[in-house]
Amino acid sequence: MSTKTIIEPFRIKSVEPISWTSREQREELLKAAHYNLFLLPADDVLIDLLTDSGTGAMSTHQWAGIMEGDESYAGSRSFERFRDSVQDIFGYKHVIPTHQGRAAERILFNVMCKRGDVVPNNTHFDTTRANVEFVGAEAIDLLPVESRQPSARLPFKGNMDVAALEEVIGRVGRQKVPLVMLTITNNSGGGQPVSMENARAVSAVCKTHNIPLYFDACRFARLTEGTSVQQAVQTVVVAEQVAGPSRSKIRDELASGKTIAGVAFRTTGEPR
């Protein structure tokens, strides 16, 4: 039985003081930073909406993990736990851990891309685009026209325009497209979901032209938000078919109403 409250269902055990600026001060700070949010001193920011990476309070289990973690140089049980979790979710035997997605992107595009290449995506995240362009390649967003309308209400507004993908490959040539990316969910497109049918269609195009398909899948579990339990399970199954073997544990947790990646489902399928 679900419970609705007007308070957060947890205790915050640490407090960090923050500064309070006036409107005039904020205007001057923005001018000094040339309106580039990355150049603003963090100490002058009251509410930070630039990212959600690493901005949440840590749980008691996370704090305990710092003390219990095994930092051995080799053979660490903490690494074994990390490896087992990644392999269980994605099904890959070999994993390269990085401290952040942008570090993984830098490795990927330095290896896969060269000057003059083209990388299609539904919508590139800002660091993804920066890493593509850093090596001299072109980052192309292929969002459908209707998905670019803020007022349009669509179930899968993060889809890639499959016809546009075919057009790009035909126009620039297969040799200029080292890989195709699909960002799930479409973060820079407002965090919009990508449908199973769209993922299959993009995969089919890539297979036809023998082009590797990479998922920026840091938010793949959020595909379950706003869908029914049955649709949520189907979405995860499709991700499994592309990225790895069956993950019955994920399906079981979704079906039982447990929380996964911050999203819980009631028996009605409504997110809470």
C-alpha atoms as a PDB file:
ATOM      1  CA  MET A   1       0.000   0.000   0.000  1.00  0.00           C
ATOM      2  CA  SER A   2       1.469   3.349  -1.067  1.00  0.00           C
ATOM      3  CA  THR A   3       1.615   6.330   1.273  1.00  0.00           C
ATOM      4  CA  LYS A   4       1.460   9.984   0.289  1.00  0.00           C
ATOM      5  CA  THR A   5       3.259  12.506   2.465  1.00  0.00           C
ATOM      6  CA  ILE A   6       4.044  16.203   2.305  1.00  0.00           C
ATOM      7  CA  ILE A   7       7.594  15.625   3.555  1.00  0.00           C
ATOM      8  CA  GLU A   8      10.579  13.790   2.135  1.00  0.00           C
ATOM      9  CA  PRO A   9      10.734  10.228   3.522  1.00  0.00           C
ATOM     10  CA  PHE A  10      14.312  10.558   4.789  1.00  0.00           C
ATOM     11  CA  ARG A  11      16.507  12.496   7.237  1.00  0.00           C
ATOM     12  CA  ILE A  12      19.282  14.799   6.049  1.00  0.00           C
ATOM     13  CA  LYS A  13      22.267  14.421   8.359  1.00  0.00           C
ATOM     14  CA  SER A  14      24.590  17.139   7.099  1.00  0.00           C
ATOM     15  CA  VAL A  15      24.205  20.839   6.342  1.00  0.00           C
ATOM     16  CA  GLU A  16      26.322  22.945   3.988  1.00  0.00           C
ATOM     17  CA  PRO A  17      25.952  26.743   4.118  1.00  0.00           C
ATOM     18  CA  ILE A  18      25.319  28.550   0.817  1.00  0.00           C
ATOM     19  CA  SER A  19      25.531  32.226  -0.085  1.00  0.00           C
ATOM     20  CA  TRP A  20      22.541  34.403  -0.902  1.00  0.00           C
ATOM     21  CA  THR A  21      23.065  37.006  -3.619  1.00  0.00           C
ATOM     22  CA  SER A  22      20.927  39.945  -4.686  1.00  0.00           C
ATOM     23  CA  ARG A  23      19.517  40.337  -8.181  1.00  0.00           C
ATOM     24  CA  GLU A  24      22.046  43.079  -8.891  1.00  0.00           C
ATOM     25  CA  GLN A  25      24.922  40.833  -7.804  1.00  0.00           C
ATOM     26  CA  ARG A  26      23.663  37.982  -9.964  1.00  0.00           C
ATOM     27  CA  GLU A  27      23.435  40.263 -12.989  1.00  0.00           C
ATOM     28  CA  GLU A  28      27.038  41.369 -12.462  1.00  0.00           C
ATOM     29  CA  LEU A  29      28.211  37.788 -11.957  1.00  0.00           C
ATOM     30  CA  LEU A  30      26.521  36.707 -15.189  1.00  0.00           C
ATOM     31  CA  LYS A  31      28.108  39.580 -17.107  1.00  0.00           C
ATOM     32  CA  ALA A  32      31.535  38.763 -15.674  1.00  0.00           C
ATOM     33  CA  ALA A  33      31.088  35.130 -16.791  1.00  0.00           C
ATOM     34  CA  HIS A  34      30.009  36.311 -20.288  1.00  0.00           C
ATOM     35  CA  TYR A  35      26.727  34.490 -19.606  1.00  0.00           C
ATOM     36  CA  ASN A  36      28.568  31.159 -19.664  1.00  0.00           C
ATOM     37  CA  LEU A  37      27.254  29.134 -16.718  1.00  0.00           C
ATOM     38  CA  PHE A  38      30.425  27.041 -16.678  1.00  0.00           C
ATOM     39  CA  LEU A  39      32.408  30.161 -15.767  1.00  0.00           C
ATOM     40  CA  LEU A  40      30.258  31.102 -12.765  1.00  0.00           C
ATOM     41  CA  PRO A  41      31.949  30.563  -9.382  1.00  0.00           C
ATOM     42  CA  ALA A  42      30.029  27.775  -7.639  1.00  0.00           C
ATOM     43  CA  ASP A  43      30.161  29.688  -4.352  1.00  0.00           C
ATOM     44  CA  ASP A  44      27.901  32.358  -5.895  1.00  0.00           C
ATOM     45  CA  VAL A  45      25.218  29.897  -7.056  1.00  0.00           C
ATOM     46  CA  LEU A  46      22.191  29.518  -4.774  1.00  0.00           C
ATOM     47  CA  ILE A  47      20.250  26.853  -6.726  1.00  0.00           C
ATOM     48  CA  ASP A  48      22.414  24.778  -9.065  1.00  0.00           C
ATOM     49  CA  LEU A  49      20.425  23.395 -12.022  1.00  0.00           C
ATOM     50  CA  LEU A  50      23.445  23.011 -14.316  1.00  0.00           C
ATOM     51  CA  THR A  51      23.639  19.268 -13.669  1.00  0.00           C
ATOM     52  CA  ASP A  52      22.177  16.534 -11.527  1.00  0.00           C
ATOM     53  CA  SER A  53      25.443  14.551 -11.546  1.00  0.00           C
ATOM     54  CA  GLY A  54      26.699  14.054  -8.006  1.00  0.00           C
ATOM     55  CA  THR A  55      24.486  16.776  -6.541  1.00  0.00           C
ATOM     56  CA  GLY A  56      22.234  14.627  -4.347  1.00  0.00           C
ATOM     57  CA  ALA A  57      22.755  13.895  -0.674  1.00  0.00           C
ATOM     58  CA  MET A  58      24.405  10.539  -0.008  1.00  0.00           C
ATOM     59  CA  SER A  59      22.483   7.773   1.724  1.00  0.00           C
ATOM     60  CA  THR A  60      23.581   6.124   4.958  1.00  0.00           C
ATOM     61  CA  HIS A  61      24.570   3.056   2.928  1.00  0.00           C
ATOM     62  CA  GLN A  62      26.768   5.184   0.654  1.00  0.00           C
ATOM     63  CA  TRP A  63      28.521   6.804   3.610  1.00  0.00           C
ATOM     64  CA  ALA A  64      29.013   3.382   5.154  1.00  0.00           C
ATOM     65  CA  GLY A  65      30.379   2.145   1.835  1.00  0.00           C
ATOM     66  CA  ILE A  66      33.190   4.688   2.052  1.00  0.00           C
ATOM     67  CA  MET A  67      34.354   3.082   5.262  1.00  0.00           C
ATOM     68  CA  GLU A  68      33.712  -0.500   4.151  1.00  0.00           C
ATOM     69  CA  GLY A  69      35.132  -0.114   0.648  1.00  0.00           C
ATOM     70  CA  ASP A  70      38.170  -2.200  -0.272  1.00  0.00           C
ATOM     71  CA  GLU A  71      40.778   0.102  -1.833  1.00  0.00           C
ATOM     72  CA  SER A  72      43.337  -2.654  -2.451  1.00  0.00           C
ATOM     73  CA  TYR A  73      45.530  -1.968  -5.482  1.00  0.00           C
ATOM     74  CA  ALA A  74      44.560  -5.324  -7.038  1.00  0.00           C
ATOM     75  CA  GLY A  75      41.966  -7.987  -6.286  1.00  0.00           C
ATOM     76  CA  SER A  76      39.637  -5.517  -4.564  1.00  0.00           C
ATOM     77  CA  ARG A  77      36.261  -6.930  -3.511  1.00  0.00           C
ATOM     78  CA  SER A  78      34.764  -3.474  -4.228  1.00  0.00           C
ATOM     79  CA  PHE A  79      35.842  -3.787  -7.862  1.00  0.00           C
ATOM     80  CA  GLU A  80      34.465  -7.320  -8.034  1.00  0.00           C
ATOM     81  CA  ARG A  81      31.090  -6.041  -6.786  1.00  0.00           C
ATOM     82  CA  PHE A  82      31.142  -3.247  -9.372  1.00  0.00           C
ATOM     83  CA  ARG A  83      32.146  -5.642 -12.168  1.00  0.00           C
ATOM     84  CA  ASP A  84      29.450  -8.168 -11.263  1.00  0.00           C
ATOM     85  CA  SER A  85      26.753  -5.472 -11.188  1.00  0.00           C
ATOM     86  CA  VAL A  86      27.716  -4.076 -14.608  1.00  0.00           C
ATOM     87  CA  GLN A  87      27.911  -7.505 -16.172  1.00  0.00           C
ATOM     88  CA  ASP A  88      24.557  -8.495 -14.661  1.00  0.00           C
ATOM     89  CA  ILE A  89      22.795  -5.412 -16.065  1.00  0.00           C
ATOM     90  CA  PHE A  90      24.468  -5.047 -19.475  1.00  0.00           C
ATOM     91  CA  GLY A  91      25.818  -8.517 -20.210  1.00  0.00           C
ATOM     92  CA  TYR A  92      29.260  -7.358 -21.334  1.00  0.00           C
ATOM     93  CA  LYS A  93      32.322  -9.334 -20.250  1.00  0.00           C
ATOM     94  CA  HIS A  94      34.763  -6.450 -20.723  1.00  0.00           C
ATOM     95  CA  VAL A  95      34.068  -3.074 -19.107  1.00  0.00           C
ATOM     96  CA  ILE A  96      36.190   0.087 -18.975  1.00  0.00           C
ATOM     97  CA  PRO A  97      35.218   2.033 -15.838  1.00  0.00           C
ATOM     98  CA  THR A  98      35.529   5.815 -16.027  1.00  0.00           C
ATOM     99  CA  HIS A  99      34.861   8.489 -13.427  1.00  0.00           C
ATOM    100  CA  GLN A 100      32.290  10.259 -15.620  1.00  0.00           C
ATOM    101  CA  GLY A 101      30.448   9.908 -18.918  1.00  0.00           C
ATOM    102  CA  ARG A 102      32.479  12.639 -20.589  1.00  0.00           C
ATOM    103  CA  ALA A 103      35.662  10.676 -19.873  1.00  0.00           C
ATOM    104  CA  ALA A 104      34.139   7.624 -21.555  1.00  0.00           C
ATOM    105  CA  GLU A 105      33.124   9.799 -24.520  1.00  0.00           C
ATOM    106  CA  ARG A 106      36.656  11.131 -24.870  1.00  0.00           C
ATOM    107  CA  ILE A 107      38.048   7.593 -25.068  1.00  0.00           C
ATOM    108  CA  LEU A 108      35.358   6.457 -27.520  1.00  0.00           C
ATOM    109  CA  PHE A 109      35.600   9.337 -29.992  1.00  0.00           C
ATOM    110  CA  ASN A 110      39.392   9.547 -29.912  1.00  0.00           C
ATOM    111  CA  VAL A 111      39.466   5.888 -30.916  1.00  0.00           C
ATOM    112  CA  MET A 112      36.537   5.815 -33.359  1.00  0.00           C
ATOM    113  CA  CYS A 113      36.493   9.237 -35.044  1.00  0.00           C
ATOM    114  CA  LYS A 114      38.772  11.428 -37.136  1.00  0.00           C
ATOM    115  CA  ARG A 115      38.541  14.844 -38.771  1.00  0.00           C
ATOM    116  CA  GLY A 116      35.773  14.986 -41.362  1.00  0.00           C
ATOM    117  CA  ASP A 117      33.709  12.154 -39.884  1.00  0.00           C
ATOM    118  CA  VAL A 118      29.999  12.490 -39.056  1.00  0.00           C
ATOM    119  CA  VAL A 119      28.312  11.119 -35.913  1.00  0.00           C
ATOM    120  CA  PRO A 120      24.484  10.981 -36.049  1.00  0.00           C
ATOM    121  CA  ASN A 121      22.504  10.957 -32.797  1.00  0.00           C
ATOM    122  CA  ASN A 122      18.923  11.641 -31.775  1.00  0.00           C
ATOM    123  CA  THR A 123      20.297  14.585 -29.749  1.00  0.00           C
ATOM    124  CA  HIS A 124      23.892  14.906 -28.599  1.00  0.00           C
ATOM    125  CA  PHE A 125      24.448  15.758 -24.959  1.00  0.00           C
ATOM    126  CA  ASP A 126      26.654  18.843 -24.587  1.00  0.00           C
ATOM    127  CA  THR A 127      29.776  16.943 -23.502  1.00  0.00           C
ATOM    128  CA  THR A 128      29.152  14.334 -26.218  1.00  0.00           C
ATOM    129  CA  ARG A 129      29.052  17.042 -28.871  1.00  0.00           C
ATOM    130  CA  ALA A 130      32.166  18.670 -27.448  1.00  0.00           C
ATOM    131  CA  ASN A 131      34.128  15.410 -27.561  1.00  0.00           C
ATOM    132  CA  VAL A 132      32.971  14.669 -31.125  1.00  0.00           C
ATOM    133  CA  GLU A 133      33.935  18.144 -32.327  1.00  0.00           C
ATOM    134  CA  PHE A 134      37.240  18.082 -30.426  1.00  0.00           C
ATOM    135  CA  VAL A 135      38.559  15.399 -32.803  1.00  0.00           C
ATOM    136  CA  GLY A 136      37.307  17.336 -35.836  1.00  0.00           C
ATOM    137  CA  ALA A 137      34.164  15.286 -36.507  1.00  0.00           C
ATOM    138  CA  GLU A 138      30.639  16.671 -36.957  1.00  0.00           C
ATOM    139  CA  ALA A 139      27.869  15.924 -34.456  1.00  0.00           C
ATOM    140  CA  ILE A 140      24.466  15.789 -36.170  1.00  0.00           C
ATOM    141  CA  ASP A 141      21.158  15.784 -34.269  1.00  0.00           C
ATOM    142  CA  LEU A 142      18.353  13.860 -35.978  1.00  0.00           C
ATOM    143  CA  LEU A 143      15.302  14.659 -33.906  1.00  0.00           C
ATOM    144  CA  PRO A 144      11.953  14.379 -35.765  1.00  0.00           C
ATOM    145  CA  VAL A 145      10.341  17.694 -36.678  1.00  0.00           C
ATOM    146  CA  GLU A 146       7.339  17.120 -34.408  1.00  0.00           C
ATOM    147  CA  SER A 147       9.649  16.453 -31.441  1.00  0.00           C
ATOM    148  CA  ARG A 148      11.100  19.940 -31.811  1.00  0.00           C
ATOM    149  CA  GLN A 149       7.755  21.516 -30.915  1.00  0.00           C
ATOM    150  CA  PRO A 150       7.733  22.214 -27.148  1.00  0.00           C
ATOM    151  CA  SER A 151       3.918  22.221 -27.027  1.00  0.00           C
ATOM    152  CA  ALA A 152       3.556  18.870 -28.807  1.00  0.00           C
ATOM    153  CA  ARG A 153       2.541  16.013 -26.501  1.00  0.00           C
ATOM    154  CA  LEU A 154       4.043  12.780 -27.834  1.00  0.00           C
ATOM    155  CA  PRO A 155       4.655   9.467 -26.039  1.00  0.00           C
ATOM    156  CA  PHE A 156       8.217   9.044 -27.353  1.00  0.00           C
ATOM    157  CA  LYS A 157       9.490  12.518 -28.107  1.00  0.00           C
ATOM    158  CA  GLY A 158      13.149  11.457 -27.890  1.00  0.00           C
ATOM    159  CA  ASN A 159      13.076   9.197 -30.971  1.00  0.00           C
ATOM    160  CA  MET A 160      15.573   9.492 -33.787  1.00  0.00           C
ATOM    161  CA  ASP A 161      14.347  10.420 -37.281  1.00  0.00           C
ATOM    162  CA  VAL A 162      15.147   7.136 -39.042  1.00  0.00           C
ATOM    163  CA  ALA A 163      14.549   8.537 -42.534  1.00  0.00           C
ATOM    164  CA  ALA A 164      16.938  11.404 -41.765  1.00  0.00           C
ATOM    165  CA  LEU A 165      19.534   8.874 -40.585  1.00  0.00           C
ATOM    166  CA  GLU A 166      19.293   7.066 -43.922  1.00  0.00           C
ATOM    167  CA  GLU A 167      19.602  10.400 -45.723  1.00  0.00           C
ATOM    168  CA  VAL A 168      22.746  11.376 -43.811  1.00  0.00           C
ATOM    169  CA  ILE A 169      24.446   8.039 -44.477  1.00  0.00           C
ATOM    170  CA  GLY A 170      23.544   8.244 -48.175  1.00  0.00           C
ATOM    171  CA  ARG A 171      24.708  11.857 -48.457  1.00  0.00           C
ATOM    172  CA  VAL A 172      28.074  11.658 -46.699  1.00  0.00           C
ATOM    173  CA  GLY A 173      28.823   8.003 -47.433  1.00  0.00           C
ATOM    174  CA  ARG A 174      29.244   5.016 -45.130  1.00  0.00           C
ATOM    175  CA  GLN A 175      32.995   5.608 -44.781  1.00  0.00           C
ATOM    176  CA  LYS A 176      32.341   8.982 -43.125  1.00  0.00           C
ATOM    177  CA  VAL A 177      30.063   7.511 -40.427  1.00  0.00           C
ATOM    178  CA  PRO A 178      32.217   5.570 -37.933  1.00  0.00           C
ATOM    179  CA  LEU A 179      29.286   5.042 -35.552  1.00  0.00           C
ATOM    180  CA  VAL A 180      25.694   6.011 -34.751  1.00  0.00           C
ATOM    181  CA  MET A 181      24.595   6.976 -31.247  1.00  0.00           C
ATOM    182  CA  LEU A 182      21.206   6.778 -29.592  1.00  0.00           C
ATOM    183  CA  THR A 183      20.866   8.682 -26.314  1.00  0.00           C
ATOM    184  CA  ILE A 184      18.427   6.948 -23.936  1.00  0.00           C
ATOM    185  CA  THR A 185      16.671   8.859 -22.624  1.00  0.00           C
ATOM    186  CA  ASN A 186      17.142  11.909 -24.859  1.00  0.00           C
ATOM    187  CA  ASN A 187      18.776  14.089 -22.212  1.00  0.00           C
ATOM    188  CA  SER A 188      19.365  17.298 -24.185  1.00  0.00           C
ATOM    189  CA  GLY A 189      15.963  16.802 -25.786  1.00  0.00           C
ATOM    190  CA  GLY A 190      14.280  17.298 -22.423  1.00  0.00           C
ATOM    191  CA  GLY A 191      14.888  13.799 -21.074  1.00  0.00           C
ATOM    192  CA  GLN A 192      12.289  12.398 -23.475  1.00  0.00           C
ATOM    193  CA  PRO A 193      11.995   8.602 -23.914  1.00  0.00           C
ATOM    194  CA  VAL A 194      12.906   6.556 -26.977  1.00  0.00           C
ATOM    195  CA  SER A 195      10.480   3.882 -28.141  1.00  0.00           C
ATOM    196  CA  MET A 196      11.314   0.209 -28.601  1.00  0.00           C
ATOM    197  CA  GLU A 197      10.260   0.426 -32.242  1.00  0.00           C
ATOM    198  CA  ASN A 198      12.590   3.361 -32.840  1.00  0.00           C
ATOM    199  CA  ALA A 199      15.549   1.581 -31.228  1.00  0.00           C
ATOM    200  CA  ARG A 200      14.877  -1.452 -33.444  1.00  0.00           C
ATOM    201  CA  ALA A 201      14.553   0.707 -36.570  1.00  0.00           C
ATOM    202  CA  VAL A 202      17.806   2.568 -35.885  1.00  0.00           C
ATOM    203  CA  SER A 203      19.537  -0.753 -35.191  1.00  0.00           C
ATOM    204  CA  ALA A 204      18.248  -2.161 -38.491  1.00  0.00           C
ATOM    205  CA  VAL A 205      19.628   0.792 -40.456  1.00  0.00           C
ATOM    206  CA  CYS A 206      23.006   0.412 -38.764  1.00  0.00           C
ATOM    207  CA  LYS A 207      23.101  -3.317 -39.512  1.00  0.00           C
ATOM    208  CA  THR A 208      22.222  -2.675 -43.159  1.00  0.00           C
ATOM    209  CA  HIS A 209      25.175  -0.321 -43.545  1.00  0.00           C
ATOM    210  CA  ASN A 210      27.455  -2.250 -41.147  1.00  0.00           C
ATOM    211  CA  ILE A 211      27.784   0.753 -38.813  1.00  0.00           C
ATOM    212  CA  PRO A 212      28.314   0.241 -35.065  1.00  0.00           C
ATOM    213  CA  LEU A 213      25.431   1.479 -32.899  1.00  0.00           C
ATOM    214  CA  TYR A 214      26.315   2.888 -29.483  1.00  0.00           C
ATOM    215  CA  PHE A 215      23.830   3.685 -26.720  1.00  0.00           C
ATOM    216  CA  ASP A 216      24.421   6.586 -24.376  1.00  0.00           C
ATOM    217  CA  ALA A 217      22.429   4.608 -21.833  1.00  0.00           C
ATOM    218  CA  CYS A 218      23.118   6.402 -18.564  1.00  0.00           C
ATOM    219  CA  ARG A 219      19.362   7.006 -18.115  1.00  0.00           C
ATOM    220  CA  PHE A 220      17.964   3.903 -19.798  1.00  0.00           C
ATOM    221  CA  ALA A 221      15.989   2.847 -16.710  1.00  0.00           C
ATOM    222  CA  ARG A 222      14.033   6.118 -16.828  1.00  0.00           C
ATOM    223  CA  LEU A 223      12.323   4.781 -19.948  1.00  0.00           C
ATOM    224  CA  THR A 224       9.998   3.109 -17.463  1.00  0.00           C
ATOM    225  CA  GLU A 225       8.694   6.414 -16.117  1.00  0.00           C
ATOM    226  CA  GLY A 226       5.182   7.283 -17.203  1.00  0.00           C
ATOM    227  CA  THR A 227       4.480   3.927 -18.850  1.00  0.00           C
ATOM    228  CA  SER A 228       2.516   0.919 -17.680  1.00  0.00           C
ATOM    229  CA  VAL A 229       4.324  -1.930 -15.953  1.00  0.00           C
ATOM    230  CA  GLN A 230       3.859  -4.092 -19.048  1.00  0.00           C
ATOM    231  CA  GLN A 231       5.326  -1.396 -21.297  1.00  0.00           C
ATOM    232  CA  ALA A 232       8.150  -0.849 -18.834  1.00  0.00           C
ATOM    233  CA  VAL A 233       9.061  -4.528 -18.883  1.00  0.00           C
ATOM    234  CA  GLN A 234       8.935  -4.577 -22.684  1.00  0.00           C
ATOM    235  CA  THR A 235      11.209  -1.536 -22.833  1.00  0.00           C
ATOM    236  CA  VAL A 236      13.823  -3.195 -20.652  1.00  0.00           C
ATOM    237  CA  VAL A 237      13.572  -6.402 -22.710  1.00  0.00           C
ATOM    238  CA  VAL A 238      14.336  -4.471 -25.908  1.00  0.00           C
ATOM    239  CA  ALA A 239      17.364  -2.851 -24.275  1.00  0.00           C
ATOM    240  CA  GLU A 240      18.466  -6.338 -23.271  1.00  0.00           C
ATOM    241  CA  GLN A 241      18.064  -7.677 -26.801  1.00  0.00           C
ATOM    242  CA  VAL A 242      20.436  -5.020 -28.091  1.00  0.00           C
ATOM    243  CA  ALA A 243      22.835  -4.710 -25.168  1.00  0.00           C
ATOM    244  CA  GLY A 244      22.918  -8.132 -23.548  1.00  0.00           C
ATOM    245  CA  PRO A 245      21.146 -11.283 -22.378  1.00  0.00           C
ATOM    246  CA  SER A 246      17.881 -11.392 -20.421  1.00  0.00           C
ATOM    247  CA  ARG A 247      17.812  -9.533 -17.115  1.00  0.00           C
ATOM    248  CA  SER A 248      14.992 -11.197 -15.227  1.00  0.00           C
ATOM    249  CA  LYS A 249      15.946  -9.371 -12.048  1.00  0.00           C
ATOM    250  CA  ILE A 250      15.085  -5.974 -13.576  1.00  0.00           C
ATOM    251  CA  ARG A 251      11.797  -7.253 -14.975  1.00  0.00           C
ATOM    252  CA  ASP A 252      10.863  -8.830 -11.654  1.00  0.00           C
ATOM    253  CA  GLU A 253      11.575  -5.601  -9.751  1.00  0.00           C
ATOM    254  CA  LEU A 254       9.499  -3.559 -12.195  1.00  0.00           C
ATOM    255  CA  ALA A 255       6.607  -5.981 -12.055  1.00  0.00           C
ATOM    256  CA  SER A 256       6.660  -6.132  -8.264  1.00  0.00           C
ATOM    257  CA  GLY A 257       6.511  -2.345  -7.930  1.00  0.00           C
ATOM    258  CA  LYS A 258       9.986  -1.918  -6.479  1.00  0.00           C
ATOM    259  CA  THR A 259      11.982   1.209  -7.150  1.00  0.00           C
ATOM    260  CA  ILE A 260      14.469   1.130 -10.004  1.00  0.00           C
ATOM    261  CA  ALA A 261      16.633   4.135 -10.841  1.00  0.00           C
ATOM    262  CA  GLY A 262      14.474   6.380  -8.697  1.00  0.00           C
ATOM    263  CA  VAL A 263      11.175   5.321 -10.280  1.00  0.00           C
ATOM    264  CA  ALA A 264       8.620   3.123  -8.497  1.00  0.00           C
ATOM    265  CA  PHE A 265       5.383   1.735  -9.936  1.00  0.00           C
ATOM    266  CA  ARG A 266       2.076   1.071  -8.284  1.00  0.00           C
ATOM    267  CA  THR A 267       0.030  -1.883  -9.451  1.00  0.00           C
ATOM    268  CA  THR A 268      -1.827   0.507 -11.743  1.00  0.00           C
ATOM    269  CA  GLY A 269       1.419   1.275 -13.568  1.00  0.00           C
ATOM    270  CA  GLU A 270       1.391   4.924 -12.524  1.00  0.00           C
ATOM    271  CA  PRO A 271       4.768   6.335 -11.442  1.00  0.00           C
ATOM    272  CA  ARG A 272       5.019   7.609  -7.896  1.00  0.00           C
END
